[in-house]
Amino acid sequence: MSTPDQAGVASSLPLSFSVAQGRLLMSALAELPFRRVFELIGKLNASAQAPAGDATGLRASFTTAELALALEALGQLPYAQVHVLIDELQAQVRQASTSAQTGKGRRIRSRTP
């Protein structure tokens, strides 16, 4: 579960990838300096190896900084290769943001006799 930071944005966001999208992200990360990406690559590898991961895809929780790094890496590749993945990530982030905003507005009312 994600927890909101001071700006109300989720500090950890669960994202889903197909196997092909995961490979594309790993290829993009491999183009950046290793010291910047090794932790994220390790996290993605661990998610791929986890029992919850299957042959059709994987799930991983990204911090805001990790998502920014992933998008930076994807931005280095040709648009034609990455636009579908970036659109998918944007949709997942938007959905999580909407869910967080909806949950934020709910209040529990107590009934007092």
N, C-alpha and C. Protein backbone atom coordinates (compact mmCIF):
# COMPACT_ATOMS: atom_id res chain seq x y z
N MET A 1 0.85 -1.17 0.00
CA MET A 1 0.00 0.00 0.00
C MET A 1 0.89 1.23 0.00
N SER A 2 0.49 2.24 -0.71
CA SER A 2 1.30 3.44 -0.78
C SER A 2 0.90 4.40 0.32
N THR A 3 1.86 5.21 0.71
CA THR A 3 1.61 6.22 1.72
C THR A 3 1.84 7.59 1.10
N PRO A 4 0.95 8.56 1.36
CA PRO A 4 1.13 9.85 0.74
C PRO A 4 2.26 10.62 1.40
N ASP A 5 3.00 11.39 0.58
CA ASP A 5 4.02 12.26 1.13
C ASP A 5 3.37 13.60 1.46
N GLN A 6 4.15 14.61 1.79
CA GLN A 6 3.60 15.89 2.21
C GLN A 6 2.80 16.56 1.11
N ALA A 7 3.11 16.30 -0.15
CA ALA A 7 2.38 16.90 -1.25
C ALA A 7 1.12 16.11 -1.59
N GLY A 8 0.86 15.02 -0.87
CA GLY A 8 -0.31 14.21 -1.12
C GLY A 8 -0.12 13.20 -2.23
N VAL A 9 1.10 13.06 -2.73
CA VAL A 9 1.41 12.12 -3.79
C VAL A 9 1.91 10.83 -3.16
N ALA A 10 1.53 9.71 -3.73
CA ALA A 10 1.96 8.43 -3.19
C ALA A 10 3.48 8.33 -3.21
N SER A 11 4.08 7.95 -2.08
CA SER A 11 5.52 7.82 -2.03
C SER A 11 5.97 6.47 -2.57
N SER A 12 5.07 5.54 -2.70
CA SER A 12 5.36 4.24 -3.29
C SER A 12 4.15 3.85 -4.12
N LEU A 13 4.39 3.60 -5.39
CA LEU A 13 3.30 3.37 -6.33
C LEU A 13 3.46 2.01 -6.99
N PRO A 14 2.51 1.10 -6.80
CA PRO A 14 2.60 -0.20 -7.47
C PRO A 14 2.28 -0.06 -8.95
N LEU A 15 3.17 -0.55 -9.80
CA LEU A 15 2.99 -0.49 -11.25
C LEU A 15 3.10 -1.89 -11.82
N SER A 16 2.37 -2.13 -12.91
CA SER A 16 2.39 -3.42 -13.59
C SER A 16 3.01 -3.27 -14.97
N PHE A 17 3.77 -4.29 -15.38
CA PHE A 17 4.42 -4.30 -16.68
C PHE A 17 4.22 -5.65 -17.33
N SER A 18 4.09 -5.63 -18.64
CA SER A 18 4.16 -6.89 -19.37
C SER A 18 5.64 -7.29 -19.42
N VAL A 19 5.90 -8.51 -19.81
CA VAL A 19 7.29 -8.96 -19.92
C VAL A 19 8.04 -8.09 -20.93
N ALA A 20 7.43 -7.81 -22.06
CA ALA A 20 8.08 -6.98 -23.09
C ALA A 20 8.35 -5.58 -22.57
N GLN A 21 7.39 -5.01 -21.82
CA GLN A 21 7.60 -3.68 -21.25
C GLN A 21 8.71 -3.69 -20.22
N GLY A 22 8.78 -4.74 -19.41
CA GLY A 22 9.85 -4.87 -18.43
C GLY A 22 11.21 -4.94 -19.10
N ARG A 23 11.29 -5.69 -20.19
CA ARG A 23 12.55 -5.78 -20.94
C ARG A 23 12.94 -4.43 -21.52
N LEU A 24 11.96 -3.71 -22.05
CA LEU A 24 12.22 -2.39 -22.61
C LEU A 24 12.73 -1.43 -21.53
N LEU A 25 12.10 -1.46 -20.37
CA LEU A 25 12.55 -0.61 -19.27
C LEU A 25 13.96 -0.98 -18.83
N MET A 26 14.24 -2.26 -18.74
CA MET A 26 15.59 -2.70 -18.36
C MET A 26 16.61 -2.26 -19.41
N SER A 27 16.26 -2.34 -20.68
CA SER A 27 17.17 -1.88 -21.73
C SER A 27 17.43 -0.39 -21.62
N ALA A 28 16.40 0.36 -21.32
CA ALA A 28 16.56 1.81 -21.17
C ALA A 28 17.43 2.13 -19.96
N LEU A 29 17.20 1.44 -18.85
CA LEU A 29 18.00 1.69 -17.64
C LEU A 29 19.47 1.33 -17.87
N ALA A 30 19.71 0.32 -18.68
CA ALA A 30 21.08 -0.10 -18.96
C ALA A 30 21.88 0.97 -19.68
N GLU A 31 21.23 1.94 -20.29
CA GLU A 31 21.91 3.01 -21.00
C GLU A 31 22.41 4.12 -20.06
N LEU A 32 21.89 4.15 -18.84
CA LEU A 32 22.31 5.17 -17.87
C LEU A 32 23.47 4.64 -17.03
N PRO A 33 24.20 5.54 -16.36
CA PRO A 33 25.32 5.08 -15.51
C PRO A 33 24.85 4.07 -14.46
N PHE A 34 25.61 3.01 -14.32
CA PHE A 34 25.24 1.91 -13.43
C PHE A 34 25.00 2.37 -12.00
N ARG A 35 25.82 3.27 -11.51
CA ARG A 35 25.69 3.71 -10.12
C ARG A 35 24.35 4.39 -9.86
N ARG A 36 23.71 4.90 -10.91
CA ARG A 36 22.40 5.54 -10.76
C ARG A 36 21.25 4.55 -10.82
N VAL A 37 21.45 3.44 -11.50
CA VAL A 37 20.31 2.55 -11.79
C VAL A 37 20.38 1.18 -11.14
N PHE A 38 21.51 0.85 -10.50
CA PHE A 38 21.66 -0.54 -10.04
C PHE A 38 20.59 -0.95 -9.03
N GLU A 39 20.17 -0.05 -8.15
CA GLU A 39 19.14 -0.42 -7.17
C GLU A 39 17.80 -0.69 -7.85
N LEU A 40 17.43 0.14 -8.81
CA LEU A 40 16.16 -0.06 -9.51
C LEU A 40 16.21 -1.32 -10.36
N ILE A 41 17.31 -1.57 -11.02
CA ILE A 41 17.45 -2.81 -11.79
C ILE A 41 17.33 -4.02 -10.86
N GLY A 42 17.96 -3.96 -9.71
CA GLY A 42 17.85 -5.05 -8.73
C GLY A 42 16.42 -5.26 -8.27
N LYS A 43 15.71 -4.16 -8.03
CA LYS A 43 14.31 -4.25 -7.59
C LYS A 43 13.45 -4.88 -8.69
N LEU A 44 13.67 -4.49 -9.93
CA LEU A 44 12.91 -5.07 -11.04
C LEU A 44 13.22 -6.55 -11.22
N ASN A 45 14.50 -6.91 -11.08
CA ASN A 45 14.87 -8.33 -11.17
C ASN A 45 14.21 -9.13 -10.06
N ALA A 46 14.21 -8.59 -8.85
CA ALA A 46 13.58 -9.28 -7.72
C ALA A 46 12.08 -9.46 -7.96
N SER A 47 11.43 -8.43 -8.51
CA SER A 47 10.00 -8.52 -8.81
C SER A 47 9.72 -9.58 -9.87
N ALA A 48 10.60 -9.67 -10.85
CA ALA A 48 10.43 -10.66 -11.91
C ALA A 48 10.60 -12.08 -11.38
N GLN A 49 11.46 -12.24 -10.37
CA GLN A 49 11.72 -13.56 -9.81
C GLN A 49 10.74 -13.96 -8.71
N ALA A 50 9.97 -12.98 -8.22
CA ALA A 50 9.04 -13.24 -7.12
C ALA A 50 7.94 -14.19 -7.57
N PRO A 51 7.41 -15.00 -6.63
CA PRO A 51 6.34 -15.94 -6.98
C PRO A 51 5.11 -15.26 -7.57
N ALA A 52 4.85 -13.98 -7.20
CA ALA A 52 3.69 -13.27 -7.73
C ALA A 52 3.86 -12.96 -9.21
N GLY A 53 5.10 -12.84 -9.66
CA GLY A 53 5.35 -12.58 -11.08
C GLY A 53 5.06 -13.84 -11.88
N ASP A 54 4.52 -13.66 -13.04
CA ASP A 54 4.25 -14.82 -13.90
C ASP A 54 4.80 -14.55 -15.29
N ALA A 55 4.55 -15.43 -16.19
CA ALA A 55 5.11 -15.32 -17.55
C ALA A 55 4.51 -14.15 -18.33
N THR A 56 3.41 -13.59 -17.85
CA THR A 56 2.76 -12.51 -18.60
C THR A 56 3.15 -11.12 -18.11
N GLY A 57 3.76 -11.00 -16.95
CA GLY A 57 4.12 -9.68 -16.47
C GLY A 57 4.64 -9.67 -15.05
N LEU A 58 4.87 -8.45 -14.56
CA LEU A 58 5.36 -8.29 -13.20
C LEU A 58 4.80 -7.03 -12.59
N ARG A 59 4.86 -6.97 -11.27
CA ARG A 59 4.44 -5.80 -10.51
C ARG A 59 5.61 -5.37 -9.65
N ALA A 60 5.80 -4.06 -9.56
CA ALA A 60 6.84 -3.50 -8.71
C ALA A 60 6.35 -2.18 -8.16
N SER A 61 6.73 -1.87 -6.94
CA SER A 61 6.39 -0.59 -6.34
C SER A 61 7.54 0.38 -6.59
N PHE A 62 7.21 1.53 -7.12
CA PHE A 62 8.19 2.56 -7.45
C PHE A 62 8.03 3.74 -6.51
N THR A 63 9.14 4.27 -6.04
CA THR A 63 9.10 5.55 -5.35
C THR A 63 9.04 6.63 -6.42
N THR A 64 8.79 7.84 -6.00
CA THR A 64 8.74 8.95 -6.95
C THR A 64 10.08 9.09 -7.67
N ALA A 65 11.17 8.96 -6.93
CA ALA A 65 12.51 9.08 -7.52
C ALA A 65 12.78 7.95 -8.51
N GLU A 66 12.35 6.73 -8.19
CA GLU A 66 12.54 5.60 -9.10
C GLU A 66 11.72 5.76 -10.38
N LEU A 67 10.50 6.26 -10.24
CA LEU A 67 9.68 6.49 -11.42
C LEU A 67 10.30 7.58 -12.30
N ALA A 68 10.82 8.64 -11.67
CA ALA A 68 11.48 9.70 -12.44
C ALA A 68 12.70 9.15 -13.17
N LEU A 69 13.46 8.29 -12.52
CA LEU A 69 14.64 7.69 -13.15
C LEU A 69 14.22 6.79 -14.32
N ALA A 70 13.17 6.01 -14.12
CA ALA A 70 12.67 5.14 -15.20
C ALA A 70 12.22 5.97 -16.40
N LEU A 71 11.51 7.05 -16.14
CA LEU A 71 11.05 7.91 -17.24
C LEU A 71 12.21 8.62 -17.92
N GLU A 72 13.21 9.01 -17.15
CA GLU A 72 14.41 9.61 -17.74
C GLU A 72 15.08 8.61 -18.69
N ALA A 73 15.21 7.37 -18.23
CA ALA A 73 15.85 6.34 -19.05
C ALA A 73 15.03 6.08 -20.32
N LEU A 74 13.72 5.97 -20.17
CA LEU A 74 12.86 5.74 -21.33
C LEU A 74 12.92 6.92 -22.30
N GLY A 75 13.10 8.12 -21.78
CA GLY A 75 13.20 9.30 -22.62
C GLY A 75 14.43 9.33 -23.50
N GLN A 76 15.42 8.50 -23.19
CA GLN A 76 16.63 8.43 -24.00
C GLN A 76 16.46 7.54 -25.24
N LEU A 77 15.40 6.73 -25.24
CA LEU A 77 15.15 5.84 -26.37
C LEU A 77 14.22 6.52 -27.37
N PRO A 78 14.20 6.03 -28.61
CA PRO A 78 13.31 6.60 -29.61
C PRO A 78 11.84 6.51 -29.19
N TYR A 79 11.12 7.57 -29.45
CA TYR A 79 9.70 7.66 -29.08
C TYR A 79 8.90 6.46 -29.58
N ALA A 80 9.15 6.05 -30.79
CA ALA A 80 8.40 4.93 -31.38
C ALA A 80 8.54 3.65 -30.55
N GLN A 81 9.64 3.50 -29.84
CA GLN A 81 9.85 2.30 -29.02
C GLN A 81 9.15 2.39 -27.68
N VAL A 82 9.02 3.58 -27.11
CA VAL A 82 8.60 3.70 -25.72
C VAL A 82 7.24 4.34 -25.49
N HIS A 83 6.62 4.90 -26.51
CA HIS A 83 5.40 5.67 -26.26
C HIS A 83 4.27 4.84 -25.65
N VAL A 84 4.13 3.59 -26.03
CA VAL A 84 3.07 2.75 -25.47
C VAL A 84 3.32 2.52 -23.98
N LEU A 85 4.55 2.23 -23.60
CA LEU A 85 4.88 2.00 -22.19
C LEU A 85 4.69 3.28 -21.38
N ILE A 86 5.13 4.41 -21.91
CA ILE A 86 4.96 5.67 -21.19
C ILE A 86 3.48 6.00 -21.02
N ASP A 87 2.68 5.79 -22.05
CA ASP A 87 1.23 6.01 -21.94
C ASP A 87 0.62 5.11 -20.86
N GLU A 88 1.05 3.86 -20.82
CA GLU A 88 0.56 2.91 -19.82
C GLU A 88 0.94 3.35 -18.41
N LEU A 89 2.18 3.79 -18.23
CA LEU A 89 2.63 4.27 -16.92
C LEU A 89 1.83 5.50 -16.50
N GLN A 90 1.60 6.42 -17.42
CA GLN A 90 0.82 7.61 -17.11
C GLN A 90 -0.60 7.23 -16.68
N ALA A 91 -1.20 6.27 -17.35
CA ALA A 91 -2.55 5.84 -16.99
C ALA A 91 -2.56 5.22 -15.59
N GLN A 92 -1.56 4.41 -15.26
CA GLN A 92 -1.51 3.80 -13.94
C GLN A 92 -1.29 4.84 -12.85
N VAL A 93 -0.43 5.83 -13.11
CA VAL A 93 -0.18 6.89 -12.14
C VAL A 93 -1.46 7.72 -11.96
N ARG A 94 -2.12 8.05 -13.05
CA ARG A 94 -3.37 8.81 -12.98
C ARG A 94 -4.42 8.06 -12.17
N GLN A 95 -4.54 6.77 -12.41
CA GLN A 95 -5.52 5.96 -11.69
C GLN A 95 -5.20 5.92 -10.20
N ALA A 96 -3.93 5.76 -9.86
CA ALA A 96 -3.54 5.73 -8.45
C ALA A 96 -3.79 7.08 -7.79
N SER A 97 -3.54 8.16 -8.53
CA SER A 97 -3.77 9.50 -8.00
C SER A 97 -5.25 9.74 -7.76
N THR A 98 -6.08 9.31 -8.70
CA THR A 98 -7.53 9.45 -8.55
C THR A 98 -8.02 8.64 -7.36
N SER A 99 -7.51 7.43 -7.21
CA SER A 99 -7.91 6.58 -6.08
C SER A 99 -7.50 7.21 -4.76
N ALA A 100 -6.30 7.79 -4.73
CA ALA A 100 -5.82 8.43 -3.50
C ALA A 100 -6.66 9.65 -3.16
N GLN A 101 -7.05 10.43 -4.17
CA GLN A 101 -7.87 11.61 -3.94
C GLN A 101 -9.27 11.22 -3.46
N THR A 102 -9.83 10.15 -4.03
CA THR A 102 -11.14 9.69 -3.62
C THR A 102 -11.11 9.20 -2.18
N GLY A 103 -10.10 8.44 -1.84
CA GLY A 103 -9.96 7.93 -0.48
C GLY A 103 -9.68 9.03 0.52
N LYS A 104 -9.01 10.07 0.09
CA LYS A 104 -8.65 11.18 0.97
C LYS A 104 -9.89 11.95 1.42
N GLY A 105 -10.90 12.02 0.55
CA GLY A 105 -12.08 12.80 0.87
C GLY A 105 -13.10 12.09 1.73
N ARG A 106 -12.94 10.79 1.92
CA ARG A 106 -13.90 10.03 2.71
C ARG A 106 -13.70 10.28 4.20
N ARG A 107 -14.80 10.40 4.89
CA ARG A 107 -14.74 10.56 6.34
C ARG A 107 -15.66 9.55 6.97
N ILE A 108 -15.28 9.11 8.12
CA ILE A 108 -16.10 8.17 8.86
C ILE A 108 -16.93 8.97 9.85
N ARG A 109 -18.22 8.79 9.78
CA ARG A 109 -19.10 9.50 10.70
C ARG A 109 -19.50 8.56 11.81
N SER A 110 -19.44 9.08 12.99
CA SER A 110 -19.88 8.25 14.12
C SER A 110 -21.30 8.63 14.48
N ARG A 111 -22.02 7.66 14.91
CA ARG A 111 -23.40 7.90 15.33
C ARG A 111 -23.42 7.97 16.83
N THR A 112 -23.90 9.06 17.33
CA THR A 112 -24.05 9.19 18.78
C THR A 112 -25.51 9.31 19.09
N PRO A 113 -25.99 8.58 20.08
CA PRO A 113 -27.42 8.62 20.40
C PRO A 113 -27.83 9.92 21.04
